[in-house]
Structures are given as C-alpha cells and as structure tokens.
Amino acid sequence: MGIVKSTIYSTTAKEAMTQLEFSTDFQGETASVTVNFVKAGTVVNTETYKLDADNLISKVSLSAPDMNSEGTLTLATHTNSVVFSGVGIWQDVTSFRVENVAIAYR
C-alpha cells in the first residue's frame, strides 16, 4: 500500500520550526500512524498509533516542555484514509487547530 507523509507547521508557536510530522503506513486492512512532535527543528516526542477494523479511533496526546498536542486519529471504514483532528497548545494558550488527512490510493 505505501506510506503517506505530511507536516503541519505552527506559525504562532514561540519556537521556530515547531511542527507535527505524520507518517501513515497503510497495510491492507490496517494503518499505523507515527506522529513526531517537533520543537525548534528537534523531535521532542514520538508516538505510534495502530488502527484497524476493531480500533478505528485513537486518542492522540503528545507533550513536551511548554507545549502539547491533543487530538484524535480516525481510520475510514474502507481503510483508505486516516484523519487527524486536534490542537496545538503552547504553555496555556491554544495556538492552532490541526486537520490532517492521509489517503491511500489503491
């Protein structure tokens, strides 16, 4: 199936090059999503979420000093796309909303 990669950059975070990097590996009826939380160009937290027919939704919670990201990953019924919806929070202020879609073409 293949791997789909994408990056969401924050234009309002205090540190330059703050971003969320997504790598979605589609494997038939499953998908594995790795999310890197990047601050000032350095990965400060990485989490991998496995999605399948029995586990279509996963809560995402990434944190680092002075920042965190909360959201959900949802696997489409036909296993051809994964959607992330969440927020980036810097200190105690919601900095930005994040929407990210990875689509596998068959």
PDB file of N, CA and C in Angstrom:
ATOM      1  N   MET A   1       0.824  -1.185   0.000  1.00  0.00           N
ATOM      2  CA  MET A   1       0.000   0.000   0.000  1.00  0.00           C
ATOM      3  C   MET A   1       0.867   1.246   0.000  1.00  0.00           C
ATOM      4  N   GLY A   2       1.709   1.402   1.004  1.00  0.00           N
ATOM      5  CA  GLY A   2       2.602   2.541   0.996  1.00  0.00           C
ATOM      6  C   GLY A   2       2.486   3.442   2.201  1.00  0.00           C
ATOM      7  N   ILE A   3       3.406   4.388   2.257  1.00  0.00           N
ATOM      8  CA  ILE A   3       3.490   5.345   3.361  1.00  0.00           C
ATOM      9  C   ILE A   3       3.173   6.736   2.832  1.00  0.00           C
ATOM     10  N   VAL A   4       2.321   7.457   3.577  1.00  0.00           N
ATOM     11  CA  VAL A   4       1.972   8.840   3.251  1.00  0.00           C
ATOM     12  C   VAL A   4       2.545   9.719   4.354  1.00  0.00           C
ATOM     13  N   LYS A   5       3.336  10.740   3.971  1.00  0.00           N
ATOM     14  CA  LYS A   5       3.948  11.641   4.944  1.00  0.00           C
ATOM     15  C   LYS A   5       3.445  13.058   4.746  1.00  0.00           C
ATOM     16  N   SER A   6       3.286  13.774   5.856  1.00  0.00           N
ATOM     17  CA  SER A   6       2.897  15.183   5.790  1.00  0.00           C
ATOM     18  C   SER A   6       3.355  15.889   7.053  1.00  0.00           C
ATOM     19  N   THR A   7       3.411  17.217   6.981  1.00  0.00           N
ATOM     20  CA  THR A   7       3.870  18.034   8.101  1.00  0.00           C
ATOM     21  C   THR A   7       2.954  19.234   8.265  1.00  0.00           C
ATOM     22  N   ILE A   8       2.603  19.526   9.522  1.00  0.00           N
ATOM     23  CA  ILE A   8       1.837  20.718   9.861  1.00  0.00           C
ATOM     24  C   ILE A   8       2.776  21.634  10.638  1.00  0.00           C
ATOM     25  N   TYR A   9       2.972  22.850  10.143  1.00  0.00           N
ATOM     26  CA  TYR A   9       3.846  23.831  10.786  1.00  0.00           C
ATOM     27  C   TYR A   9       3.022  24.829  11.584  1.00  0.00           C
ATOM     28  N   SER A  10       3.507  25.207  12.755  1.00  0.00           N
ATOM     29  CA  SER A  10       2.869  26.267  13.518  1.00  0.00           C
ATOM     30  C   SER A  10       3.514  27.599  13.147  1.00  0.00           C
ATOM     31  N   THR A  11       2.690  28.569  12.823  1.00  0.00           N
ATOM     32  CA  THR A  11       3.217  29.909  12.532  1.00  0.00           C
ATOM     33  C   THR A  11       3.108  30.811  13.747  1.00  0.00           C
ATOM     34  N   THR A  12       2.529  30.296  14.852  1.00  0.00           N
ATOM     35  CA  THR A  12       2.327  31.134  16.038  1.00  0.00           C
ATOM     36  C   THR A  12       3.084  30.658  17.269  1.00  0.00           C
ATOM     37  N   ALA A  13       3.740  29.510  17.192  1.00  0.00           N
ATOM     38  CA  ALA A  13       4.473  28.992  18.348  1.00  0.00           C
ATOM     39  C   ALA A  13       5.690  29.870  18.639  1.00  0.00           C
ATOM     40  N   LYS A  14       6.067  29.912  19.900  1.00  0.00           N
ATOM     41  CA  LYS A  14       7.217  30.725  20.317  1.00  0.00           C
ATOM     42  C   LYS A  14       8.509  30.257  19.656  1.00  0.00           C
ATOM     43  N   GLU A  15       8.690  28.937  19.555  1.00  0.00           N
ATOM     44  CA  GLU A  15       9.891  28.379  18.948  1.00  0.00           C
ATOM     45  C   GLU A  15       9.698  28.227  17.443  1.00  0.00           C
ATOM     46  N   ALA A  16      10.670  28.676  16.685  1.00  0.00           N
ATOM     47  CA  ALA A  16      10.617  28.486  15.225  1.00  0.00           C
ATOM     48  C   ALA A  16      10.702  26.996  14.915  1.00  0.00           C
ATOM     49  N   MET A  17      10.177  26.573  13.770  1.00  0.00           N
ATOM     50  CA  MET A  17      10.215  25.173  13.322  1.00  0.00           C
ATOM     51  C   MET A  17       9.500  24.234  14.293  1.00  0.00           C
ATOM     52  N   THR A  18       8.397  24.700  14.885  1.00  0.00           N
ATOM     53  CA  THR A  18       7.562  23.826  15.697  1.00  0.00           C
ATOM     54  C   THR A  18       6.523  23.211  14.776  1.00  0.00           C
ATOM     55  N   GLN A  19       6.390  21.879  14.835  1.00  0.00           N
ATOM     56  CA  GLN A  19       5.514  21.216  13.871  1.00  0.00           C
ATOM     57  C   GLN A  19       5.083  19.832  14.353  1.00  0.00           C
ATOM     58  N   LEU A  20       4.084  19.293  13.671  1.00  0.00           N
ATOM     59  CA  LEU A  20       3.678  17.905  13.821  1.00  0.00           C
ATOM     60  C   LEU A  20       3.969  17.216  12.495  1.00  0.00           C
ATOM     61  N   GLU A  21       4.696  16.110  12.548  1.00  0.00           N
ATOM     62  CA  GLU A  21       5.008  15.337  11.351  1.00  0.00           C
ATOM     63  C   GLU A  21       4.232  14.018  11.423  1.00  0.00           C
ATOM     64  N   PHE A  22       3.551  13.691  10.345  1.00  0.00           N
ATOM     65  CA  PHE A  22       2.748  12.472  10.283  1.00  0.00           C
ATOM     66  C   PHE A  22       3.339  11.523   9.249  1.00  0.00           C
ATOM     67  N   SER A  23       3.410  10.247   9.595  1.00  0.00           N
ATOM     68  CA  SER A  23       3.818   9.201   8.667  1.00  0.00           C
ATOM     69  C   SER A  23       2.801   8.074   8.822  1.00  0.00           C
ATOM     70  N   THR A  24       1.977   7.872   7.797  1.00  0.00           N
ATOM     71  CA  THR A  24       0.912   6.873   7.848  1.00  0.00           C
ATOM     72  C   THR A  24       1.253   5.722   6.916  1.00  0.00           C
ATOM     73  N   ASP A  25       1.373   4.541   7.496  1.00  0.00           N
ATOM     74  CA  ASP A  25       1.706   3.334   6.751  1.00  0.00           C
ATOM     75  C   ASP A  25       0.438   2.504   6.577  1.00  0.00           C
ATOM     76  N   PHE A  26      -0.073   2.466   5.346  1.00  0.00           N
ATOM     77  CA  PHE A  26      -1.267   1.685   5.037  1.00  0.00           C
ATOM     78  C   PHE A  26      -0.848   0.267   4.665  1.00  0.00           C
ATOM     79  N   GLN A  27      -1.416  -0.731   5.344  1.00  0.00           N
ATOM     80  CA  GLN A  27      -1.105  -2.136   5.082  1.00  0.00           C
ATOM     81  C   GLN A  27      -2.401  -2.919   4.990  1.00  0.00           C
ATOM     82  N   GLY A  28      -3.018  -2.924   3.822  1.00  0.00           N
ATOM     83  CA  GLY A  28      -4.262  -3.673   3.629  1.00  0.00           C
ATOM     84  C   GLY A  28      -5.390  -3.157   4.488  1.00  0.00           C
ATOM     85  N   GLU A  29      -5.763  -3.919   5.518  1.00  0.00           N
ATOM     86  CA  GLU A  29      -6.892  -3.554   6.379  1.00  0.00           C
ATOM     87  C   GLU A  29      -6.478  -2.788   7.633  1.00  0.00           C
ATOM     88  N   THR A  30      -5.211  -2.417   7.726  1.00  0.00           N
ATOM     89  CA  THR A  30      -4.729  -1.696   8.903  1.00  0.00           C
ATOM     90  C   THR A  30      -3.940  -0.464   8.476  1.00  0.00           C
ATOM     91  N   ALA A  31      -3.713   0.409   9.454  1.00  0.00           N
ATOM     92  CA  ALA A  31      -2.851   1.573   9.236  1.00  0.00           C
ATOM     93  C   ALA A  31      -2.092   1.849  10.528  1.00  0.00           C
ATOM     94  N   SER A  32      -0.855   2.251  10.378  1.00  0.00           N
ATOM     95  CA  SER A  32      -0.031   2.620  11.512  1.00  0.00           C
ATOM     96  C   SER A  32       0.395   4.075  11.300  1.00  0.00           C
ATOM     97  N   VAL A  33       0.101   4.918  12.284  1.00  0.00           N
ATOM     98  CA  VAL A  33       0.393   6.342  12.155  1.00  0.00           C
ATOM     99  C   VAL A  33       1.431   6.736  13.195  1.00  0.00           C
ATOM    100  N   THR A  34       2.567   7.248  12.741  1.00  0.00           N
ATOM    101  CA  THR A  34       3.587   7.773  13.636  1.00  0.00           C
ATOM    102  C   THR A  34       3.522   9.291  13.579  1.00  0.00           C
ATOM    103  N   VAL A  35       3.443   9.905  14.767  1.00  0.00           N
ATOM    104  CA  VAL A  35       3.374  11.364  14.869  1.00  0.00           C
ATOM    105  C   VAL A  35       4.603  11.839  15.631  1.00  0.00           C
ATOM    106  N   ASN A  36       5.382  12.713  14.999  1.00  0.00           N
ATOM    107  CA  ASN A  36       6.532  13.343  15.646  1.00  0.00           C
ATOM    108  C   ASN A  36       6.136  14.750  16.069  1.00  0.00           C
ATOM    109  N   PHE A  37       6.421  15.092  17.312  1.00  0.00           N
ATOM    110  CA  PHE A  37       6.207  16.438  17.820  1.00  0.00           C
ATOM    111  C   PHE A  37       7.574  17.123  17.759  1.00  0.00           C
ATOM    112  N   VAL A  38       7.700  18.157  16.958  1.00  0.00           N
ATOM    113  CA  VAL A  38       8.989  18.792  16.687  1.00  0.00           C
ATOM    114  C   VAL A  38       8.999  20.203  17.253  1.00  0.00           C
ATOM    115  N   LYS A  39      10.045  20.523  18.002  1.00  0.00           N
ATOM    116  CA  LYS A  39      10.213  21.871  18.580  1.00  0.00           C
ATOM    117  C   LYS A  39      11.582  22.384  18.160  1.00  0.00           C
ATOM    118  N   ALA A  40      11.607  23.543  17.541  1.00  0.00           N
ATOM    119  CA  ALA A  40      12.857  24.168  17.093  1.00  0.00           C
ATOM    120  C   ALA A  40      13.663  23.210  16.214  1.00  0.00           C
ATOM    121  N   GLY A  41      12.968  22.418  15.395  1.00  0.00           N
ATOM    122  CA  GLY A  41      13.629  21.524  14.461  1.00  0.00           C
ATOM    123  C   GLY A  41      14.088  20.200  15.046  1.00  0.00           C
ATOM    124  N   THR A  42      13.828  19.942  16.344  1.00  0.00           N
ATOM    125  CA  THR A  42      14.245  18.709  17.000  1.00  0.00           C
ATOM    126  C   THR A  42      13.020  17.925  17.449  1.00  0.00           C
ATOM    127  N   VAL A  43      12.983  16.619  17.155  1.00  0.00           N
ATOM    128  CA  VAL A  43      11.876  15.778  17.601  1.00  0.00           C
ATOM    129  C   VAL A  43      11.948  15.653  19.124  1.00  0.00           C
ATOM    130  N   VAL A  44      10.879  16.073  19.818  1.00  0.00           N
ATOM    131  CA  VAL A  44      10.849  16.017  21.278  1.00  0.00           C
ATOM    132  C   VAL A  44       9.910  14.932  21.798  1.00  0.00           C
ATOM    133  N   ASN A  45       9.058  14.385  20.943  1.00  0.00           N
ATOM    134  CA  ASN A  45       8.162  13.307  21.339  1.00  0.00           C
ATOM    135  C   ASN A  45       7.679  12.590  20.087  1.00  0.00           C
ATOM    136  N   THR A  46       7.626  11.277  20.154  1.00  0.00           N
ATOM    137  CA  THR A  46       7.124  10.455  19.047  1.00  0.00           C
ATOM    138  C   THR A  46       6.185   9.401  19.604  1.00  0.00           C
ATOM    139  N   GLU A  47       5.047   9.256  18.955  1.00  0.00           N
ATOM    140  CA  GLU A  47       4.093   8.216  19.330  1.00  0.00           C
ATOM    141  C   GLU A  47       3.613   7.527  18.057  1.00  0.00           C
ATOM    142  N   THR A  48       3.359   6.216  18.145  1.00  0.00           N
ATOM    143  CA  THR A  48       2.817   5.460  17.025  1.00  0.00           C
ATOM    144  C   THR A  48       1.473   4.875  17.435  1.00  0.00           C
ATOM    145  N   TYR A  49       0.508   5.008  16.550  1.00  0.00           N
ATOM    146  CA  TYR A  49      -0.854   4.558  16.803  1.00  0.00           C
ATOM    147  C   TYR A  49      -1.240   3.539  15.733  1.00  0.00           C
ATOM    148  N   LYS A  50      -1.747   2.393  16.158  1.00  0.00           N
ATOM    149  CA  LYS A  50      -2.152   1.345  15.225  1.00  0.00           C
ATOM    150  C   LYS A  50      -3.676   1.345  15.127  1.00  0.00           C
ATOM    151  N   LEU A  51      -4.180   1.392  13.901  1.00  0.00           N
ATOM    152  CA  LEU A  51      -5.615   1.430  13.651  1.00  0.00           C
ATOM    153  C   LEU A  51      -6.018   0.244  12.782  1.00  0.00           C
ATOM    154  N   ASP A  52      -7.196  -0.350  13.070  1.00  0.00           N
ATOM    155  CA  ASP A  52      -7.733  -1.439  12.264  1.00  0.00           C
ATOM    156  C   ASP A  52      -9.245  -1.478  12.444  1.00  0.00           C
ATOM    157  N   ALA A  53      -9.899  -2.510  11.920  1.00  0.00           N
ATOM    158  CA  ALA A  53     -11.363  -2.610  11.968  1.00  0.00           C
ATOM    159  C   ALA A  53     -11.893  -2.632  13.402  1.00  0.00           C
ATOM    160  N   ASP A  54     -11.122  -3.136  14.343  1.00  0.00           N
ATOM    161  CA  ASP A  54     -11.555  -3.179  15.740  1.00  0.00           C
ATOM    162  C   ASP A  54     -11.143  -1.941  16.526  1.00  0.00           C
ATOM    163  N   ASN A  55     -10.333  -1.109  15.939  1.00  0.00           N
ATOM    164  CA  ASN A  55      -9.800   0.073  16.621  1.00  0.00           C
ATOM    165  C   ASN A  55      -9.741   1.219  15.616  1.00  0.00           C
ATOM    166  N   LEU A  56     -10.908   1.787  15.271  1.00  0.00           N
ATOM    167  CA  LEU A  56     -10.987   2.824  14.231  1.00  0.00           C
ATOM    168  C   LEU A  56     -10.572   4.197  14.707  1.00  0.00           C
ATOM    169  N   ILE A  57     -10.632   4.445  16.019  1.00  0.00           N
ATOM    170  CA  ILE A  57     -10.327   5.772  16.556  1.00  0.00           C
ATOM    171  C   ILE A  57      -9.293   5.644  17.656  1.00  0.00           C
ATOM    172  N   SER A  58      -8.318   6.566  17.657  1.00  0.00           N
ATOM    173  CA  SER A  58      -7.299   6.574  18.698  1.00  0.00           C
ATOM    174  C   SER A  58      -7.108   8.003  19.191  1.00  0.00           C
ATOM    175  N   LYS A  59      -7.013   8.160  20.507  1.00  0.00           N
ATOM    176  CA  LYS A  59      -6.746   9.475  21.086  1.00  0.00           C
ATOM    177  C   LYS A  59      -5.249   9.752  21.019  1.00  0.00           C
ATOM    178  N   VAL A  60      -4.918  10.945  20.587  1.00  0.00           N
ATOM    179  CA  VAL A  60      -3.519  11.362  20.480  1.00  0.00           C
ATOM    180  C   VAL A  60      -3.221  12.357  21.592  1.00  0.00           C
ATOM    181  N   SER A  61      -2.135  12.126  22.284  1.00  0.00           N
ATOM    182  CA  SER A  61      -1.702  13.043  23.327  1.00  0.00           C
ATOM    183  C   SER A  61      -0.180  13.086  23.320  1.00  0.00           C
ATOM    184  N   LEU A  62       0.365  14.185  22.874  1.00  0.00           N
ATOM    185  CA  LEU A  62       1.819  14.371  22.818  1.00  0.00           C
ATOM    186  C   LEU A  62       2.179  15.565  23.691  1.00  0.00           C
ATOM    187  N   SER A  63       3.282  15.460  24.421  1.00  0.00           N
ATOM    188  CA  SER A  63       3.667  16.591  25.260  1.00  0.00           C
ATOM    189  C   SER A  63       5.183  16.761  25.290  1.00  0.00           C
ATOM    190  N   ALA A  64       5.559  17.980  25.587  1.00  0.00           N
ATOM    191  CA  ALA A  64       6.962  18.379  25.725  1.00  0.00           C
ATOM    192  C   ALA A  64       6.949  19.614  26.623  1.00  0.00           C
ATOM    193  N   PRO A  65       8.086  20.040  27.126  1.00  0.00           N
ATOM    194  CA  PRO A  65       8.091  21.229  27.971  1.00  0.00           C
ATOM    195  C   PRO A  65       7.419  22.425  27.271  1.00  0.00           C
ATOM    196  N   ASP A  66       6.477  23.051  27.953  1.00  0.00           N
ATOM    197  CA  ASP A  66       5.763  24.254  27.499  1.00  0.00           C
ATOM    198  C   ASP A  66       4.817  24.017  26.329  1.00  0.00           C
ATOM    199  N   MET A  67       4.584  22.780  25.909  1.00  0.00           N
ATOM    200  CA  MET A  67       3.693  22.570  24.778  1.00  0.00           C
ATOM    201  C   MET A  67       3.112  21.160  24.787  1.00  0.00           C
ATOM    202  N   ASN A  68       1.948  21.025  24.152  1.00  0.00           N
ATOM    203  CA  ASN A  68       1.364  19.708  23.956  1.00  0.00           C
ATOM    204  C   ASN A  68       0.399  19.759  22.788  1.00  0.00           C
ATOM    205  N   SER A  69       0.016  18.592  22.339  1.00  0.00           N
ATOM    206  CA  SER A  69      -0.945  18.472  21.256  1.00  0.00           C
ATOM    207  C   SER A  69      -1.925  17.370  21.624  1.00  0.00           C
ATOM    208  N   GLU A  70      -3.200  17.653  21.463  1.00  0.00           N
ATOM    209  CA  GLU A  70      -4.259  16.696  21.758  1.00  0.00           C
ATOM    210  C   GLU A  70      -5.120  16.544  20.515  1.00  0.00           C
ATOM    211  N   GLY A  71      -5.595  15.335  20.264  1.00  0.00           N
ATOM    212  CA  GLY A  71      -6.467  15.143  19.114  1.00  0.00           C
ATOM    213  C   GLY A  71      -6.902  13.706  18.974  1.00  0.00           C
ATOM    214  N   THR A  72      -7.489  13.408  17.821  1.00  0.00           N
ATOM    215  CA  THR A  72      -7.921  12.047  17.522  1.00  0.00           C
ATOM    216  C   THR A  72      -7.493  11.662  16.117  1.00  0.00           C
ATOM    217  N   LEU A  73      -7.198  10.380  15.944  1.00  0.00           N
ATOM    218  CA  LEU A  73      -6.947   9.772  14.638  1.00  0.00           C
ATOM    219  C   LEU A  73      -8.131   8.874  14.331  1.00  0.00           C
ATOM    220  N   THR A  74      -8.670   8.982  13.130  1.00  0.00           N
ATOM    221  CA  THR A  74      -9.809   8.163  12.735  1.00  0.00           C
ATOM    222  C   THR A  74      -9.485   7.464  11.422  1.00  0.00           C
ATOM    223  N   LEU A  75      -9.667   6.142  11.411  1.00  0.00           N
ATOM    224  CA  LEU A  75      -9.447   5.336  10.211  1.00  0.00           C
ATOM    225  C   LEU A  75     -10.778   5.189   9.483  1.00  0.00           C
ATOM    226  N   ALA A  76     -10.795   5.476   8.179  1.00  0.00           N
ATOM    227  CA  ALA A  76     -12.018   5.341   7.392  1.00  0.00           C
ATOM    228  C   ALA A  76     -12.433   3.881   7.305  1.00  0.00           C
ATOM    229  N   THR A  77     -13.706   3.647   7.172  1.00  0.00           N
ATOM    230  CA  THR A  77     -14.267   2.297   7.130  1.00  0.00           C
ATOM    231  C   THR A  77     -13.614   1.413   6.083  1.00  0.00           C
ATOM    232  N   HIS A  78     -13.284   1.954   4.929  1.00  0.00           N
ATOM    233  CA  HIS A  78     -12.688   1.160   3.851  1.00  0.00           C
ATOM    234  C   HIS A  78     -11.160   1.149   3.892  1.00  0.00           C
ATOM    235  N   THR A  79     -10.596   1.615   4.984  1.00  0.00           N
ATOM    236  CA  THR A  79      -9.153   1.589   5.232  1.00  0.00           C
ATOM    237  C   THR A  79      -8.346   2.299   4.146  1.00  0.00           C
ATOM    238  N   ASN A  80      -8.907   3.359   3.580  1.00  0.00           N
ATOM    239  CA  ASN A  80      -8.154   4.080   2.558  1.00  0.00           C
ATOM    240  C   ASN A  80      -7.772   5.496   2.986  1.00  0.00           C
ATOM    241  N   SER A  81      -8.159   5.899   4.199  1.00  0.00           N
ATOM    242  CA  SER A  81      -7.731   7.218   4.671  1.00  0.00           C
ATOM    243  C   SER A  81      -7.720   7.270   6.193  1.00  0.00           C
ATOM    244  N   VAL A  82      -6.878   8.156   6.706  1.00  0.00           N
ATOM    245  CA  VAL A  82      -6.785   8.428   8.139  1.00  0.00           C
ATOM    246  C   VAL A  82      -6.867   9.936   8.302  1.00  0.00           C
ATOM    247  N   VAL A  83      -7.681  10.375   9.262  1.00  0.00           N
ATOM    248  CA  VAL A  83      -7.850  11.804   9.525  1.00  0.00           C
ATOM    249  C   VAL A  83      -7.372  12.098  10.936  1.00  0.00           C
ATOM    250  N   PHE A  84      -6.564  13.147  11.084  1.00  0.00           N
ATOM    251  CA  PHE A  84      -6.179  13.651  12.402  1.00  0.00           C
ATOM    252  C   PHE A  84      -6.865  14.987  12.590  1.00  0.00           C
ATOM    253  N   SER A  85      -7.469  15.178  13.735  1.00  0.00           N
ATOM    254  CA  SER A  85      -8.073  16.449  14.087  1.00  0.00           C
ATOM    255  C   SER A  85      -7.653  16.775  15.510  1.00  0.00           C
ATOM    256  N   GLY A  86      -7.095  17.950  15.723  1.00  0.00           N
ATOM    257  CA  GLY A  86      -6.623  18.280  17.063  1.00  0.00           C
ATOM    258  C   GLY A  86      -6.202  19.722  17.192  1.00  0.00           C
ATOM    259  N   VAL A  87      -5.482  19.997  18.277  1.00  0.00           N
ATOM    260  CA  VAL A  87      -4.996  21.341  18.565  1.00  0.00           C
ATOM    261  C   VAL A  87      -3.544  21.276  19.004  1.00  0.00           C
ATOM    262  N   GLY A  88      -2.845  22.399  18.831  1.00  0.00           N
ATOM    263  CA  GLY A  88      -1.512  22.582  19.376  1.00  0.00           C
ATOM    264  C   GLY A  88      -1.619  23.624  20.480  1.00  0.00           C
ATOM    265  N   ILE A  89      -1.048  23.338  21.642  1.00  0.00           N
ATOM    266  CA  ILE A  89      -1.148  24.237  22.794  1.00  0.00           C
ATOM    267  C   ILE A  89       0.255  24.598  23.243  1.00  0.00           C
ATOM    268  N   TRP A  90       0.538  25.871  23.298  1.00  0.00           N
ATOM    269  CA  TRP A  90       1.845  26.364  23.729  1.00  0.00           C
ATOM    270  C   TRP A  90       1.645  27.060  25.069  1.00  0.00           C
ATOM    271  N   GLN A  91       2.280  26.555  26.114  1.00  0.00           N
ATOM    272  CA  GLN A  91       2.087  26.938  27.509  1.00  0.00           C
ATOM    273  C   GLN A  91       0.614  26.710  27.841  1.00  0.00           C
ATOM    274  N   ASP A  92      -0.199  27.738  28.061  1.00  0.00           N
ATOM    275  CA  ASP A  92      -1.605  27.514  28.397  1.00  0.00           C
ATOM    276  C   ASP A  92      -2.547  28.132  27.368  1.00  0.00           C
ATOM    277  N   VAL A  93      -2.060  28.371  26.151  1.00  0.00           N
ATOM    278  CA  VAL A  93      -2.862  29.014  25.112  1.00  0.00           C
ATOM    279  C   VAL A  93      -2.978  28.070  23.910  1.00  0.00           C
ATOM    280  N   THR A  94      -4.204  27.843  23.419  1.00  0.00           N
ATOM    281  CA  THR A  94      -4.377  27.063  22.194  1.00  0.00           C
ATOM    282  C   THR A  94      -3.829  27.873  21.043  1.00  0.00           C
ATOM    283  N   SER A  95      -2.801  27.360  20.415  1.00  0.00           N
ATOM    284  CA  SER A  95      -2.093  28.103  19.383  1.00  0.00           C
ATOM    285  C   SER A  95      -2.712  27.906  18.007  1.00  0.00           C
ATOM    286  N   PHE A  96      -3.117  26.667  17.696  1.00  0.00           N
ATOM    287  CA  PHE A  96      -3.684  26.416  16.372  1.00  0.00           C
ATOM    288  C   PHE A  96      -4.487  25.133  16.365  1.00  0.00           C
ATOM    289  N   ARG A  97      -5.426  25.054  15.445  1.00  0.00           N
ATOM    290  CA  ARG A  97      -6.178  23.826  15.196  1.00  0.00           C
ATOM    291  C   ARG A  97      -5.494  23.087  14.060  1.00  0.00           C
ATOM    292  N   VAL A  98      -5.499  21.779  14.142  1.00  0.00           N
ATOM    293  CA  VAL A  98      -4.822  20.961  13.143  1.00  0.00           C
ATOM    294  C   VAL A  98      -5.825  20.004  12.498  1.00  0.00           C
ATOM    295  N   GLU A  99      -5.824  19.970  11.183  1.00  0.00           N
ATOM    296  CA  GLU A  99      -6.564  18.966  10.430  1.00  0.00           C
ATOM    297  C   GLU A  99      -5.565  18.361   9.442  1.00  0.00           C
ATOM    298  N   ASN A 100      -5.489  17.051   9.404  1.00  0.00           N
ATOM    299  CA  ASN A 100      -4.564  16.383   8.507  1.00  0.00           C
ATOM    300  C   ASN A 100      -5.232  15.123   7.962  1.00  0.00           C
ATOM    301  N   VAL A 101      -5.142  14.913   6.668  1.00  0.00           N
ATOM    302  CA  VAL A 101      -5.748  13.742   6.035  1.00  0.00           C
ATOM    303  C   VAL A 101      -4.680  13.001   5.229  1.00  0.00           C
ATOM    304  N   ALA A 102      -4.580  11.691   5.457  1.00  0.00           N
ATOM    305  CA  ALA A 102      -3.701  10.834   4.665  1.00  0.00           C
ATOM    306  C   ALA A 102      -4.579   9.883   3.878  1.00  0.00           C
ATOM    307  N   ILE A 103      -4.372   9.803   2.570  1.00  0.00           N
ATOM    308  CA  ILE A 103      -5.202   8.967   1.693  1.00  0.00           C
ATOM    309  C   ILE A 103      -4.306   7.972   0.948  1.00  0.00           C
ATOM    310  N   ALA A 104      -4.710   6.705   0.962  1.00  0.00           N
ATOM    311  CA  ALA A 104      -4.007   5.664   0.207  1.00  0.00           C
ATOM    312  C   ALA A 104      -4.798   5.385  -1.050  1.00  0.00           C
ATOM    313  N   TYR A 105      -4.158   5.463  -2.190  1.00  0.00           N
ATOM    314  CA  TYR A 105      -4.814   5.141  -3.455  1.00  0.00           C
ATOM    315  C   TYR A 105      -4.501   3.701  -3.799  1.00  0.00           C
ATOM    316  N   ARG A 106      -5.532   2.960  -4.167  1.00  0.00           N
ATOM    317  CA  ARG A 106      -5.348   1.531  -4.488  1.00  0.00           C
ATOM    318  C   ARG A 106      -5.554   1.292  -5.948  1.00  0.00           C
TER     319      ARG A 106
END
